[in-house]
Amino acid sequence: MGVQTTGEVAACEPRADGRWKSISSMPTLARVVDRVIEWDDRVRARWPFVAIVAPDTAPLDAGGGSSRLLLRPAILGFVAIVAITFGTSLPGSPFTLKMPGAWFFGVPASGGTASPQDLFLGLTAVYGGLLLLMRVWYGLARTLSKMPGVPVRKLVAVFALWVIPLLIAPPLFSRDIYSYAAQGEMVSHHIDPYRYGPDVLGGSPYVPLVDPLWGNAPAPYGPLFLEVDGFITHAVGHDELPDLVMLRLLELGGVLLMAACIPTLARSFGRDASEAFALAVLNPVTMLHLIGGAHNDGLMIGLLVAGITLARKRRPVAGLIVCTLAAAVKAPAALGIVYIGWEWMGTGVPWRERIRPVMTAGIISVAVMGTLSLITGLGWGWVANLATPGTVRSWLAPATGIGMLISGIAHLVGIGVPTHIFLSGTRVLGLATAGMLGLWLLWNSERIGTLRAMGLTMLAVVALGPVVQPWYLSWGLILLAPVAVGRVRSVLIAASIASAFIGLPGGRQLFDELIHANPLSMALALLALLGVLTVPLTSWDSQRLVAAWRQRRRGASLTTTSAA
């Protein structure tokens, strides 16, 4: 995968007010966002907001300017995640599992029930925290897009601050981590997770924590993840709570690997490393789902990004091995193997000359995967289980939703075809469409841009696949982050914000509580949410700060030129 910039950075130009737009066309989403920004700027300049979030007046100094720039979003993002952690930790929270052994705290006593006040407070805290985090992250990303050159190490400090509450919070928005823990228990007892589901453990304390939907479902994960999973379970003495902590730390390690590689990857495409870091690592999907939810997608993406980075450094074999390790966690990472083989010979190579390196890449990857399967003793059974996530039937997945809609209409008119027949048809059609789109993107990757083509392929596979989960979207969003400009950047931001609310539990409970709650409590909660939604938070990227930053960087550039 040779160094390539063609197609990776779309033609853009700065506007007079410091915002960016595509020369060819301005996406509708970007126009809407700009209108919101202009409204935010106007309101911020008026009382009482000007007294609360007034812009700084002192000029930026050469050393501490970026630190002052990041201070407010760092603190506000921390407050947002603390609010989410607090809301999910209350005994009545619908956002996390509330069963004995599910976490160290926040689980109701046996036979006890949560008070309506706790439920209402938790819902308000979580939704308020989510709104605040979305606004802070978007404001930070927009600031960094206009002020390139902020040291990445200072964004690492922001990341560390935001992570602290997530390491304390119970597993967020999903019960997948409990399935991982149960599968690790199976592996540690030499039970084949590719043949049996967690229910085979019988009376083990791991079993009640697993979602009943997956109780008899075999694992669809690769041998590397399950081997590490089993090792962790054995190392913690088969105790479920330490097991959960270690699994979260494992996914944090995957995110840290991604964080180490994203700046290098962005620079190789001529992009600003700090903006790419914010778009990928500080992304709400990364923070809330890959770390907070401890999904093994974090480890997969970390290895995938590391493999792609090695290939960009002209070390394709090392890149192939690392991408194969990523696929040995979760299968979608195999896309990196295909692209490294396709780009092995560099740019401007006819397609016939690309076939041999692609085949070579495949042989190397099969050899690595076979070695892993042999060493772990788990074999290749996971390949047959890749359809396991499709057990979920959700209207959020277009291929599944259309199948259920057609089935419902057919049953209304008296056509007695089983629902699963319609679902199989629409899902196969969706995956075939995603496959054709992926082939087209691969064929045109030199014009479109390698990383952009990979990211769009991942998004297509998720959007047209049998099930859409917010953490699945991270596959494409993180790959797009180092090269996101113009329309692609708008899509990345919009999808990241929307994905934080996809399938989020608690909406119905919040509505019910709003109807039945004490009027005073309801008024205070609505006022708090309204404040989070409307109070301007963007003083850290006022035009004065942007202008001062650019002037300082121009001065440094002129000084360097004169010295030369």
Protein backbone atom coordinates (compact mmCIF):
# COMPACT_ATOMS: atom_id res chain seq x y z
CA MET A 1 0.00 0.00 0.00
CA GLY A 2 2.20 2.78 -1.28
CA VAL A 3 1.92 6.39 -0.20
CA GLN A 4 -0.98 7.93 -2.03
CA THR A 5 -2.78 11.22 -1.75
CA THR A 6 -4.84 11.22 -4.92
CA GLY A 7 -8.48 11.17 -4.05
CA GLU A 8 -7.92 11.17 -0.29
CA VAL A 9 -8.36 14.90 0.24
CA ALA A 10 -11.28 16.48 -1.53
CA ALA A 11 -10.99 19.96 -2.95
CA CYS A 12 -11.93 22.39 -0.19
CA GLU A 13 -11.52 26.08 0.43
CA PRO A 14 -11.86 28.21 3.57
CA ARG A 15 -14.68 30.71 3.82
CA ALA A 16 -14.24 34.21 5.08
CA ASP A 17 -15.64 33.26 8.50
CA GLY A 18 -13.16 30.41 8.93
CA ARG A 19 -15.51 27.54 8.08
CA TRP A 20 -14.83 25.11 5.28
CA LYS A 21 -16.86 24.12 2.29
CA SER A 22 -16.47 21.88 -0.70
CA ILE A 23 -15.70 23.71 -3.93
CA SER A 24 -17.89 21.39 -5.97
CA SER A 25 -20.95 21.41 -3.76
CA MET A 26 -22.03 22.19 -0.25
CA PRO A 27 -23.86 19.29 1.40
CA THR A 28 -27.26 20.07 2.83
CA LEU A 29 -26.14 18.78 6.20
CA ALA A 30 -23.18 21.17 6.25
CA ARG A 31 -25.46 24.12 5.42
CA VAL A 32 -27.75 23.21 8.29
CA VAL A 33 -24.80 22.88 10.63
CA ASP A 34 -23.47 26.28 9.58
CA ARG A 35 -26.85 27.87 10.32
CA VAL A 36 -26.79 26.33 13.79
CA ILE A 37 -23.26 27.63 14.32
CA GLU A 38 -24.23 31.15 13.29
CA TRP A 39 -27.22 31.07 15.65
CA ASP A 40 -24.95 29.79 18.42
CA ASP A 41 -22.47 32.62 17.84
CA ARG A 42 -25.21 35.26 17.95
CA VAL A 43 -26.81 33.93 21.13
CA ARG A 44 -23.46 33.57 22.86
CA ALA A 45 -22.82 37.27 22.44
CA ARG A 46 -25.97 38.22 24.40
CA TRP A 47 -26.72 38.36 28.09
CA PRO A 48 -26.83 36.17 30.17
CA PHE A 49 -24.81 33.82 28.00
CA VAL A 50 -22.03 36.32 27.47
CA ALA A 51 -21.49 36.32 31.24
CA ILE A 52 -21.42 32.51 31.38
CA VAL A 53 -19.33 31.59 28.35
CA ALA A 54 -17.73 34.83 27.28
CA PRO A 55 -14.78 34.46 24.90
CA ASP A 56 -11.30 34.88 26.29
CA THR A 57 -9.82 38.34 25.92
CA ALA A 58 -6.12 37.74 26.48
CA PRO A 59 -4.06 36.91 23.38
CA LEU A 60 -2.88 33.36 22.88
CA ASP A 61 0.70 32.86 23.97
CA ALA A 62 3.05 30.71 21.98
CA GLY A 63 3.22 27.90 24.49
CA GLY A 64 -0.11 27.67 26.25
CA GLY A 65 -2.58 28.69 23.55
CA SER A 66 -3.67 25.19 22.63
CA SER A 67 -3.94 24.21 26.30
CA ARG A 68 -6.37 27.05 26.96
CA LEU A 69 -8.16 26.14 23.75
CA LEU A 70 -8.80 22.58 24.96
CA LEU A 71 -9.50 23.28 28.62
CA ARG A 72 -13.21 24.05 28.35
CA PRO A 73 -14.17 21.13 26.07
CA ALA A 74 -12.06 18.80 28.21
CA ILE A 75 -13.94 19.79 31.36
CA LEU A 76 -17.37 19.85 29.73
CA GLY A 77 -16.82 16.45 28.11
CA PHE A 78 -15.74 15.06 31.47
CA VAL A 79 -18.88 16.48 33.09
CA ALA A 80 -21.01 14.90 30.33
CA ILE A 81 -19.49 11.44 30.82
CA VAL A 82 -19.77 11.74 34.61
CA ALA A 83 -23.48 12.50 34.15
CA ILE A 84 -23.88 9.43 31.93
CA THR A 85 -22.00 7.29 34.45
CA PHE A 86 -24.14 8.60 37.30
CA GLY A 87 -27.38 8.04 35.42
CA THR A 88 -26.51 4.49 34.39
CA SER A 89 -25.31 3.61 37.90
CA LEU A 90 -28.64 4.30 39.60
CA PRO A 91 -30.51 1.09 40.53
CA GLY A 92 -33.45 1.81 38.21
CA SER A 93 -31.43 2.66 35.12
CA PRO A 94 -32.61 0.88 31.95
CA PHE A 95 -29.27 1.51 30.24
CA THR A 96 -27.32 -1.24 32.02
CA LEU A 97 -28.00 -4.72 33.35
CA LYS A 98 -29.31 -4.68 36.93
CA MET A 99 -28.74 -8.23 38.16
CA PRO A 100 -26.56 -9.61 40.96
CA GLY A 101 -23.02 -9.95 39.66
CA ALA A 102 -23.56 -7.50 36.80
CA TRP A 103 -21.38 -4.79 38.37
CA PHE A 104 -19.85 -3.64 41.63
CA PHE A 105 -22.56 -1.08 42.39
CA GLY A 106 -25.91 0.20 41.15
CA VAL A 107 -27.67 -3.16 41.35
CA PRO A 108 -30.93 -3.13 43.38
CA ALA A 109 -31.03 -5.28 46.47
CA SER A 110 -32.63 -8.70 46.03
CA GLY A 111 -36.35 -8.22 45.65
CA GLY A 112 -36.04 -4.44 45.76
CA THR A 113 -37.30 -2.01 43.15
CA ALA A 114 -36.02 1.37 42.11
CA SER A 115 -38.00 4.46 43.07
CA PRO A 116 -39.63 6.48 40.27
CA GLN A 117 -37.49 9.44 41.32
CA ASP A 118 -34.28 7.47 40.76
CA LEU A 119 -35.47 6.25 37.37
CA PHE A 120 -36.47 9.75 36.30
CA LEU A 121 -33.21 11.25 37.56
CA GLY A 122 -31.16 8.57 35.81
CA LEU A 123 -32.93 9.03 32.49
CA THR A 124 -32.52 12.77 32.65
CA ALA A 125 -28.82 12.52 33.58
CA VAL A 126 -28.05 10.08 30.75
CA TYR A 127 -29.91 11.94 28.03
CA GLY A 128 -28.56 15.27 29.26
CA GLY A 129 -25.03 13.88 29.33
CA LEU A 130 -25.39 12.51 25.81
CA LEU A 131 -26.61 15.85 24.48
CA LEU A 132 -23.75 17.68 26.18
CA LEU A 133 -21.14 15.19 24.94
CA MET A 134 -22.39 15.44 21.36
CA ARG A 135 -22.20 19.23 21.42
CA VAL A 136 -18.78 19.31 23.04
CA TRP A 137 -17.29 16.74 20.66
CA TYR A 138 -18.70 18.46 17.59
CA GLY A 139 -17.47 21.86 18.78
CA LEU A 140 -14.00 20.45 19.44
CA ALA A 141 -13.82 18.76 16.03
CA ARG A 142 -14.94 21.96 14.31
CA THR A 143 -12.35 23.99 16.19
CA LEU A 144 -9.50 21.65 15.28
CA SER A 145 -10.54 21.71 11.62
CA LYS A 146 -9.95 25.46 11.59
CA MET A 147 -6.87 25.47 13.80
CA PRO A 148 -4.48 22.76 12.56
CA GLY A 149 -1.30 21.98 14.39
CA VAL A 150 -2.61 21.49 17.93
CA PRO A 151 -0.23 18.96 19.55
CA VAL A 152 -1.76 15.50 19.67
CA ARG A 153 -0.38 14.91 23.16
CA LYS A 154 -2.77 17.54 24.50
CA LEU A 155 -5.70 15.71 22.95
CA VAL A 156 -4.38 12.54 24.58
CA ALA A 157 -4.78 14.36 27.92
CA VAL A 158 -8.42 15.14 27.00
CA PHE A 159 -8.94 11.47 26.12
CA ALA A 160 -7.47 10.34 29.44
CA LEU A 161 -9.77 12.69 31.35
CA TRP A 162 -12.85 11.48 29.48
CA VAL A 163 -11.94 7.81 29.96
CA ILE A 164 -11.73 7.94 33.76
CA PRO A 165 -15.51 7.88 34.42
CA LEU A 166 -16.02 5.17 31.78
CA LEU A 167 -13.66 2.82 33.64
CA ILE A 168 -15.93 3.15 36.67
CA ALA A 169 -19.27 2.97 34.86
CA PRO A 170 -21.12 -0.33 34.48
CA PRO A 171 -21.12 -1.83 30.97
CA LEU A 172 -23.15 0.63 28.90
CA PHE A 173 -26.11 0.09 26.56
CA SER A 174 -25.46 -3.59 25.81
CA ARG A 175 -25.05 -7.02 27.44
CA ASP A 176 -22.47 -8.28 24.93
CA ILE A 177 -19.64 -8.16 27.46
CA TYR A 178 -21.47 -10.77 29.55
CA SER A 179 -21.55 -13.07 26.52
CA TYR A 180 -17.80 -12.55 26.10
CA ALA A 181 -17.25 -13.44 29.75
CA ALA A 182 -19.36 -16.59 29.46
CA GLN A 183 -17.54 -17.63 26.29
CA GLY A 184 -14.23 -17.12 28.09
CA GLU A 185 -15.49 -19.38 30.85
CA MET A 186 -16.32 -22.00 28.21
CA VAL A 187 -12.88 -21.79 26.62
CA SER A 188 -11.17 -22.01 30.02
CA HIS A 189 -13.02 -25.31 30.60
CA HIS A 190 -12.21 -26.60 27.08
CA ILE A 191 -15.83 -26.33 25.90
CA ASP A 192 -16.04 -25.56 22.18
CA PRO A 193 -17.71 -22.11 21.88
CA TYR A 194 -18.21 -22.70 18.14
CA ARG A 195 -20.59 -25.61 18.85
CA TYR A 196 -22.36 -24.56 22.02
CA GLY A 197 -23.85 -21.42 23.55
CA PRO A 198 -23.24 -20.12 27.10
CA ASP A 199 -26.26 -22.03 28.46
CA VAL A 200 -24.12 -25.17 28.33
CA LEU A 201 -22.42 -23.86 31.50
CA GLY A 202 -25.56 -24.76 33.45
CA GLY A 203 -25.54 -23.31 36.96
CA SER A 204 -22.50 -21.08 36.43
CA PRO A 205 -22.95 -17.49 37.69
CA TYR A 206 -21.98 -16.34 34.19
CA VAL A 207 -25.15 -17.74 32.61
CA PRO A 208 -27.89 -15.48 34.11
CA LEU A 209 -25.99 -12.39 32.92
CA VAL A 210 -26.09 -13.41 29.25
CA ASP A 211 -28.92 -12.07 27.13
CA PRO A 212 -31.39 -14.97 26.63
CA LEU A 213 -31.23 -14.32 22.87
CA TRP A 214 -27.63 -15.54 22.87
CA GLY A 215 -27.94 -18.31 25.47
CA ASN A 216 -27.73 -21.09 22.89
CA ALA A 217 -25.90 -19.14 20.17
CA PRO A 218 -22.38 -20.30 19.26
CA ALA A 219 -19.67 -17.66 19.11
CA PRO A 220 -19.02 -15.82 15.81
CA TYR A 221 -15.66 -14.45 16.98
CA GLY A 222 -12.21 -15.45 15.80
CA PRO A 223 -9.77 -17.72 17.66
CA LEU A 224 -7.48 -14.91 18.83
CA PHE A 225 -10.21 -13.12 20.75
CA LEU A 226 -11.63 -16.27 22.32
CA GLU A 227 -8.18 -17.54 23.33
CA VAL A 228 -7.39 -14.23 25.05
CA ASP A 229 -10.90 -14.25 26.51
CA GLY A 230 -10.37 -17.70 28.01
CA PHE A 231 -6.95 -16.73 29.36
CA ILE A 232 -8.46 -13.70 31.13
CA THR A 233 -11.19 -15.81 32.72
CA HIS A 234 -8.63 -18.31 33.99
CA ALA A 235 -6.31 -15.54 35.25
CA VAL A 236 -9.03 -13.89 37.39
CA GLY A 237 -10.01 -17.19 38.98
CA HIS A 238 -13.33 -17.57 37.13
CA ASP A 239 -14.80 -14.57 38.99
CA GLU A 240 -17.23 -12.69 36.76
CA LEU A 241 -16.69 -9.15 38.12
CA PRO A 242 -12.88 -9.04 37.69
CA ASP A 243 -13.46 -10.74 34.35
CA LEU A 244 -15.66 -7.85 33.21
CA VAL A 245 -13.04 -5.33 34.31
CA MET A 246 -10.29 -7.10 32.39
CA LEU A 247 -12.43 -7.37 29.26
CA ARG A 248 -13.03 -3.63 29.34
CA LEU A 249 -9.31 -3.00 29.78
CA LEU A 250 -8.68 -5.29 26.80
CA GLU A 251 -10.90 -3.12 24.63
CA LEU A 252 -9.30 0.01 26.04
CA GLY A 253 -5.99 -1.45 24.89
CA GLY A 254 -7.41 -1.81 21.38
CA VAL A 255 -8.53 1.83 21.43
CA LEU A 256 -5.10 2.93 22.68
CA LEU A 257 -3.48 1.06 19.79
CA MET A 258 -5.83 2.86 17.43
CA ALA A 259 -5.02 6.19 19.12
CA ALA A 260 -1.29 5.57 18.62
CA CYS A 261 -1.70 4.88 14.89
CA ILE A 262 -4.37 7.38 13.79
CA PRO A 263 -2.08 10.47 13.88
CA THR A 264 0.59 8.68 11.82
CA LEU A 265 -2.02 7.49 9.35
CA ALA A 266 -3.48 10.99 9.01
CA ARG A 267 -0.07 12.56 8.39
CA SER A 268 0.68 9.98 5.69
CA PHE A 269 -2.35 11.31 3.80
CA GLY A 270 -1.38 14.95 4.37
CA ARG A 271 -4.09 15.53 6.97
CA ASP A 272 -3.96 17.20 10.38
CA ALA A 273 -3.25 14.61 13.06
CA SER A 274 -5.11 16.39 15.86
CA GLU A 275 -8.37 16.65 13.92
CA ALA A 276 -8.16 12.98 12.93
CA PHE A 277 -7.52 12.04 16.56
CA ALA A 278 -10.61 13.94 17.68
CA LEU A 279 -12.80 12.46 14.94
CA ALA A 280 -11.68 8.88 15.63
CA VAL A 281 -10.57 8.52 19.24
CA LEU A 282 -12.71 11.15 20.98
CA ASN A 283 -15.68 10.08 18.86
CA PRO A 284 -18.78 9.34 21.02
CA VAL A 285 -19.04 5.87 19.45
CA THR A 286 -15.49 5.08 20.52
CA MET A 287 -15.96 6.44 24.01
CA LEU A 288 -19.43 5.13 24.83
CA HIS A 289 -19.54 1.83 22.94
CA LEU A 290 -16.00 0.59 22.36
CA ILE A 291 -14.84 1.56 25.87
CA GLY A 292 -18.05 2.06 27.87
CA GLY A 293 -19.76 -0.95 26.29
CA ALA A 294 -16.47 -2.92 26.03
CA HIS A 295 -17.31 -4.33 22.59
CA ASN A 296 -14.57 -6.42 21.00
CA ASP A 297 -14.84 -4.18 17.94
CA GLY A 298 -12.38 -1.91 19.78
CA LEU A 299 -9.66 -4.57 19.68
CA MET A 300 -10.50 -5.42 16.07
CA ILE A 301 -10.30 -1.81 14.90
CA GLY A 302 -7.11 -1.14 16.84
CA LEU A 303 -5.35 -4.03 15.12
CA LEU A 304 -6.86 -3.14 11.73
CA VAL A 305 -5.66 0.47 11.91
CA ALA A 306 -2.22 -0.72 13.06
CA GLY A 307 -2.00 -3.09 10.08
CA ILE A 308 -2.99 -0.38 7.62
CA THR A 309 -0.44 1.99 9.17
CA LEU A 310 2.32 -0.59 8.76
CA ALA A 311 1.36 -1.05 5.11
CA ARG A 312 1.50 2.73 4.59
CA LYS A 313 5.06 2.57 5.93
CA ARG A 314 5.87 0.10 3.11
CA ARG A 315 5.80 -2.94 5.37
CA PRO A 316 3.00 -4.87 3.68
CA VAL A 317 3.82 -8.30 5.11
CA ALA A 318 3.78 -6.98 8.68
CA GLY A 319 0.58 -5.12 7.86
CA LEU A 320 -1.00 -8.32 6.52
CA ILE A 321 -0.11 -10.25 9.66
CA VAL A 322 -1.59 -7.59 11.95
CA CYS A 323 -4.74 -7.28 9.82
CA THR A 324 -5.10 -11.07 10.01
CA LEU A 325 -4.89 -10.83 13.79
CA ALA A 326 -7.68 -8.25 13.57
CA ALA A 327 -9.77 -10.66 11.49
CA ALA A 328 -9.03 -13.33 14.11
CA VAL A 329 -10.95 -11.10 16.50
CA LYS A 330 -13.81 -10.25 14.16
CA ALA A 331 -14.24 -11.10 10.48
CA PRO A 332 -14.87 -7.62 8.94
CA ALA A 333 -11.20 -6.73 9.43
CA ALA A 334 -10.41 -9.07 6.52
CA LEU A 335 -11.14 -6.07 4.29
CA GLY A 336 -7.73 -4.71 5.28
CA ILE A 337 -6.09 -7.86 3.87
CA VAL A 338 -7.79 -7.34 0.50
CA TYR A 339 -6.75 -3.70 0.26
CA ILE A 340 -3.14 -4.29 1.29
CA GLY A 341 -2.87 -6.91 -1.46
CA TRP A 342 -4.57 -4.62 -3.98
CA GLU A 343 -2.21 -1.70 -3.22
CA TRP A 344 0.93 -3.80 -2.74
CA MET A 345 2.48 -2.82 -6.09
CA GLY A 346 1.75 0.90 -5.65
CA THR A 347 -0.32 3.26 -7.78
CA GLY A 348 -0.97 3.22 -11.49
CA VAL A 349 -0.77 -0.58 -11.70
CA PRO A 350 -3.11 -2.39 -14.14
CA TRP A 351 -5.66 -4.65 -12.51
CA ARG A 352 -4.12 -7.81 -14.00
CA GLU A 353 -0.88 -7.11 -12.15
CA ARG A 354 -2.78 -6.73 -8.88
CA ILE A 355 -4.19 -10.26 -8.92
CA ARG A 356 -0.97 -12.00 -7.87
CA PRO A 357 -0.29 -9.75 -4.82
CA VAL A 358 -3.93 -10.12 -3.73
CA MET A 359 -3.58 -13.89 -3.92
CA THR A 360 -0.26 -13.69 -2.07
CA ALA A 361 -1.91 -11.61 0.64
CA GLY A 362 -4.64 -14.21 0.91
CA ILE A 363 -2.15 -17.08 1.23
CA ILE A 364 -0.19 -15.27 3.95
CA SER A 365 -3.39 -14.50 5.86
CA VAL A 366 -4.72 -18.05 5.60
CA ALA A 367 -1.38 -19.34 6.86
CA VAL A 368 -1.45 -16.96 9.85
CA MET A 369 -5.10 -17.77 10.62
CA GLY A 370 -4.45 -21.50 10.28
CA THR A 371 -1.53 -21.25 12.69
CA LEU A 372 -3.72 -19.42 15.21
CA SER A 373 -6.49 -22.00 14.84
CA LEU A 374 -3.98 -24.80 15.39
CA ILE A 375 -2.24 -23.22 18.37
CA THR A 376 -5.48 -22.33 20.14
CA GLY A 377 -7.13 -25.64 19.25
CA LEU A 378 -10.34 -23.78 18.37
CA GLY A 379 -10.28 -24.52 14.65
CA TRP A 380 -12.31 -22.78 11.96
CA GLY A 381 -15.79 -23.28 13.40
CA TRP A 382 -16.31 -19.52 13.79
CA VAL A 383 -16.61 -19.12 10.00
CA ALA A 384 -19.87 -21.11 10.02
CA ASN A 385 -21.22 -18.90 12.83
CA LEU A 386 -20.78 -15.52 11.12
CA ALA A 387 -24.54 -15.27 10.57
CA THR A 388 -25.22 -15.49 14.33
CA PRO A 389 -25.73 -11.69 14.84
CA GLY A 390 -28.48 -11.86 12.19
CA THR A 391 -30.67 -13.54 14.81
CA VAL A 392 -31.67 -10.01 15.85
CA ARG A 393 -34.66 -8.61 13.98
CA SER A 394 -34.56 -4.85 14.05
CA TRP A 395 -36.28 -2.17 11.99
CA LEU A 396 -33.03 -0.16 12.18
CA ALA A 397 -31.48 -2.44 9.54
CA PRO A 398 -33.05 -1.57 6.16
CA ALA A 399 -32.59 -5.09 4.78
CA THR A 400 -34.36 -6.58 7.80
CA GLY A 401 -36.97 -3.84 8.11
CA ILE A 402 -38.01 -4.14 4.47
CA GLY A 403 -38.29 -7.93 4.84
CA MET A 404 -40.54 -7.59 7.89
CA LEU A 405 -42.63 -4.95 6.13
CA ILE A 406 -43.13 -7.11 3.04
CA SER A 407 -43.97 -10.08 5.25
CA GLY A 408 -46.54 -8.06 7.17
CA ILE A 409 -48.21 -6.86 3.97
CA ALA A 410 -48.21 -10.40 2.56
CA HIS A 411 -49.89 -11.77 5.67
CA LEU A 412 -52.53 -9.03 5.52
CA VAL A 413 -53.51 -10.04 1.99
CA GLY A 414 -53.54 -13.72 2.86
CA ILE A 415 -50.16 -14.87 1.53
CA GLY A 416 -48.93 -17.43 4.03
CA VAL A 417 -45.22 -17.34 3.29
CA PRO A 418 -43.16 -17.51 6.53
CA THR A 419 -41.45 -14.30 7.60
CA HIS A 420 -37.99 -15.86 7.53
CA ILE A 421 -38.33 -16.48 3.78
CA PHE A 422 -38.86 -12.77 3.13
CA LEU A 423 -36.08 -11.88 5.54
CA SER A 424 -33.65 -14.25 3.83
CA GLY A 425 -34.46 -12.70 0.47
CA THR A 426 -34.08 -9.06 1.51
CA ARG A 427 -30.97 -9.77 3.56
CA VAL A 428 -29.26 -11.61 0.73
CA LEU A 429 -30.16 -8.76 -1.61
CA GLY A 430 -28.78 -6.23 0.86
CA LEU A 431 -25.49 -8.08 1.29
CA ALA A 432 -25.19 -8.59 -2.47
CA THR A 433 -25.67 -4.85 -2.99
CA ALA A 434 -23.04 -4.10 -0.34
CA GLY A 435 -20.70 -6.58 -2.01
CA MET A 436 -21.12 -5.00 -5.44
CA LEU A 437 -20.61 -1.53 -3.98
CA GLY A 438 -17.50 -2.77 -2.18
CA LEU A 439 -16.08 -4.19 -5.42
CA TRP A 440 -16.76 -0.92 -7.21
CA LEU A 441 -15.01 1.03 -4.44
CA LEU A 442 -12.04 -1.36 -4.59
CA TRP A 443 -11.81 -1.02 -8.37
CA ASN A 444 -11.88 2.78 -8.10
CA SER A 445 -9.89 3.06 -4.88
CA GLU A 446 -6.97 4.79 -6.56
CA ARG A 447 -9.27 7.61 -7.66
CA ILE A 448 -11.46 7.67 -4.55
CA GLY A 449 -8.67 7.10 -2.06
CA THR A 450 -7.75 3.83 -0.37
CA LEU A 451 -8.82 4.66 3.17
CA ARG A 452 -11.96 6.42 2.02
CA ALA A 453 -12.94 3.42 -0.11
CA MET A 454 -12.36 1.08 2.84
CA GLY A 455 -14.39 3.22 5.22
CA LEU A 456 -17.30 3.57 2.80
CA THR A 457 -17.24 -0.19 2.18
CA MET A 458 -17.48 -0.86 5.91
CA LEU A 459 -20.41 1.56 6.25
CA ALA A 460 -22.17 -0.09 3.30
CA VAL A 461 -21.73 -3.56 4.82
CA VAL A 462 -23.24 -2.36 8.09
CA ALA A 463 -26.08 -0.31 6.57
CA LEU A 464 -27.11 -3.06 4.15
CA GLY A 465 -26.39 -5.97 6.49
CA PRO A 466 -28.88 -8.02 8.53
CA VAL A 467 -28.47 -5.95 11.69
CA VAL A 468 -27.28 -2.41 12.47
CA GLN A 469 -25.64 -1.77 15.81
CA PRO A 470 -24.03 1.57 16.75
CA TRP A 471 -20.67 -0.05 17.49
CA TYR A 472 -20.73 -1.65 14.03
CA LEU A 473 -20.71 1.84 12.52
CA SER A 474 -17.35 2.46 14.20
CA TRP A 475 -15.73 0.18 11.60
CA GLY A 476 -16.23 2.69 8.83
CA LEU A 477 -16.27 5.92 10.85
CA ILE A 478 -12.81 5.38 12.33
CA LEU A 479 -11.29 4.43 8.97
CA LEU A 480 -12.74 7.59 7.43
CA ALA A 481 -11.53 9.90 10.20
CA PRO A 482 -7.93 10.40 8.94
CA VAL A 483 -9.15 11.48 5.47
CA ALA A 484 -12.53 13.04 6.27
CA VAL A 485 -13.15 16.36 4.54
CA GLY A 486 -16.16 18.00 2.94
CA ARG A 487 -19.15 15.74 2.49
CA VAL A 488 -17.45 12.67 3.97
CA ARG A 489 -16.66 14.63 7.13
CA SER A 490 -20.29 15.76 7.42
CA VAL A 491 -21.47 12.17 7.06
CA LEU A 492 -18.96 11.00 9.69
CA ILE A 493 -20.10 13.61 12.22
CA ALA A 494 -23.81 13.09 11.58
CA ALA A 495 -23.52 9.29 11.76
CA SER A 496 -21.44 9.46 14.94
CA ILE A 497 -23.97 11.68 16.70
CA ALA A 498 -26.95 9.65 15.47
CA SER A 499 -25.35 6.33 16.40
CA ALA A 500 -25.15 7.38 20.04
CA PHE A 501 -28.95 7.26 20.13
CA ILE A 502 -29.53 4.19 17.89
CA GLY A 503 -31.36 1.53 19.84
CA LEU A 504 -30.80 3.47 23.06
CA PRO A 505 -33.00 2.06 25.83
CA GLY A 506 -34.97 4.24 28.17
CA GLY A 507 -36.91 6.38 25.70
CA ARG A 508 -40.27 4.85 26.55
CA GLN A 509 -39.53 4.96 30.27
CA LEU A 510 -38.58 8.62 29.99
CA PHE A 511 -41.84 9.40 28.19
CA ASP A 512 -43.88 7.53 30.81
CA GLU A 513 -42.09 9.29 33.63
CA LEU A 514 -42.67 12.69 32.02
CA ILE A 515 -46.39 11.96 32.06
CA HIS A 516 -46.60 10.66 35.62
CA ALA A 517 -43.79 12.53 37.33
CA ASN A 518 -44.14 15.22 39.92
CA PRO A 519 -44.74 18.51 37.99
CA LEU A 520 -41.88 20.26 39.79
CA SER A 521 -39.43 17.42 39.04
CA MET A 522 -40.58 17.34 35.45
CA ALA A 523 -40.13 21.10 35.05
CA LEU A 524 -36.63 21.00 36.54
CA ALA A 525 -35.59 18.06 34.35
CA LEU A 526 -36.93 19.65 31.17
CA LEU A 527 -35.21 22.91 32.08
CA ALA A 528 -31.93 21.06 32.55
CA LEU A 529 -32.23 19.27 29.18
CA LEU A 530 -33.22 22.52 27.47
CA GLY A 531 -30.22 24.23 28.96
CA VAL A 532 -27.87 21.50 27.77
CA LEU A 533 -29.39 21.69 24.30
CA THR A 534 -29.45 25.46 23.88
CA VAL A 535 -26.83 27.15 26.08
CA PRO A 536 -23.89 28.10 23.85
CA LEU A 537 -20.80 26.06 24.60
CA THR A 538 -18.51 27.12 21.79
CA SER A 539 -16.57 30.03 23.22
CA TRP A 540 -13.41 27.95 22.94
CA ASP A 541 -13.53 28.31 19.15
CA SER A 542 -14.53 31.95 18.80
CA GLN A 543 -13.30 33.70 15.68
CA ARG A 544 -10.82 35.71 17.74
CA LEU A 545 -9.15 32.55 18.99
CA VAL A 546 -9.06 31.12 15.49
CA ALA A 547 -7.54 34.29 14.06
CA ALA A 548 -4.94 34.49 16.84
CA TRP A 549 -3.96 30.86 16.33
CA ARG A 550 -3.56 31.30 12.59
CA GLN A 551 -1.56 34.50 13.03
CA ARG A 552 0.77 32.80 15.50
CA ARG A 553 1.34 29.86 13.13
CA ARG A 554 1.97 32.20 10.17
CA GLY A 555 4.50 34.09 12.27
CA ALA A 556 6.29 30.88 13.20
CA SER A 557 6.36 29.84 9.55
CA LEU A 558 7.82 33.20 8.45
CA THR A 559 10.47 32.98 11.16
CA THR A 560 11.50 29.52 10.00
CA THR A 561 11.65 30.68 6.37
CA SER A 562 13.80 33.73 7.26
CA ALA A 563 16.18 31.58 9.26
CA ALA A 564 16.54 29.23 6.31
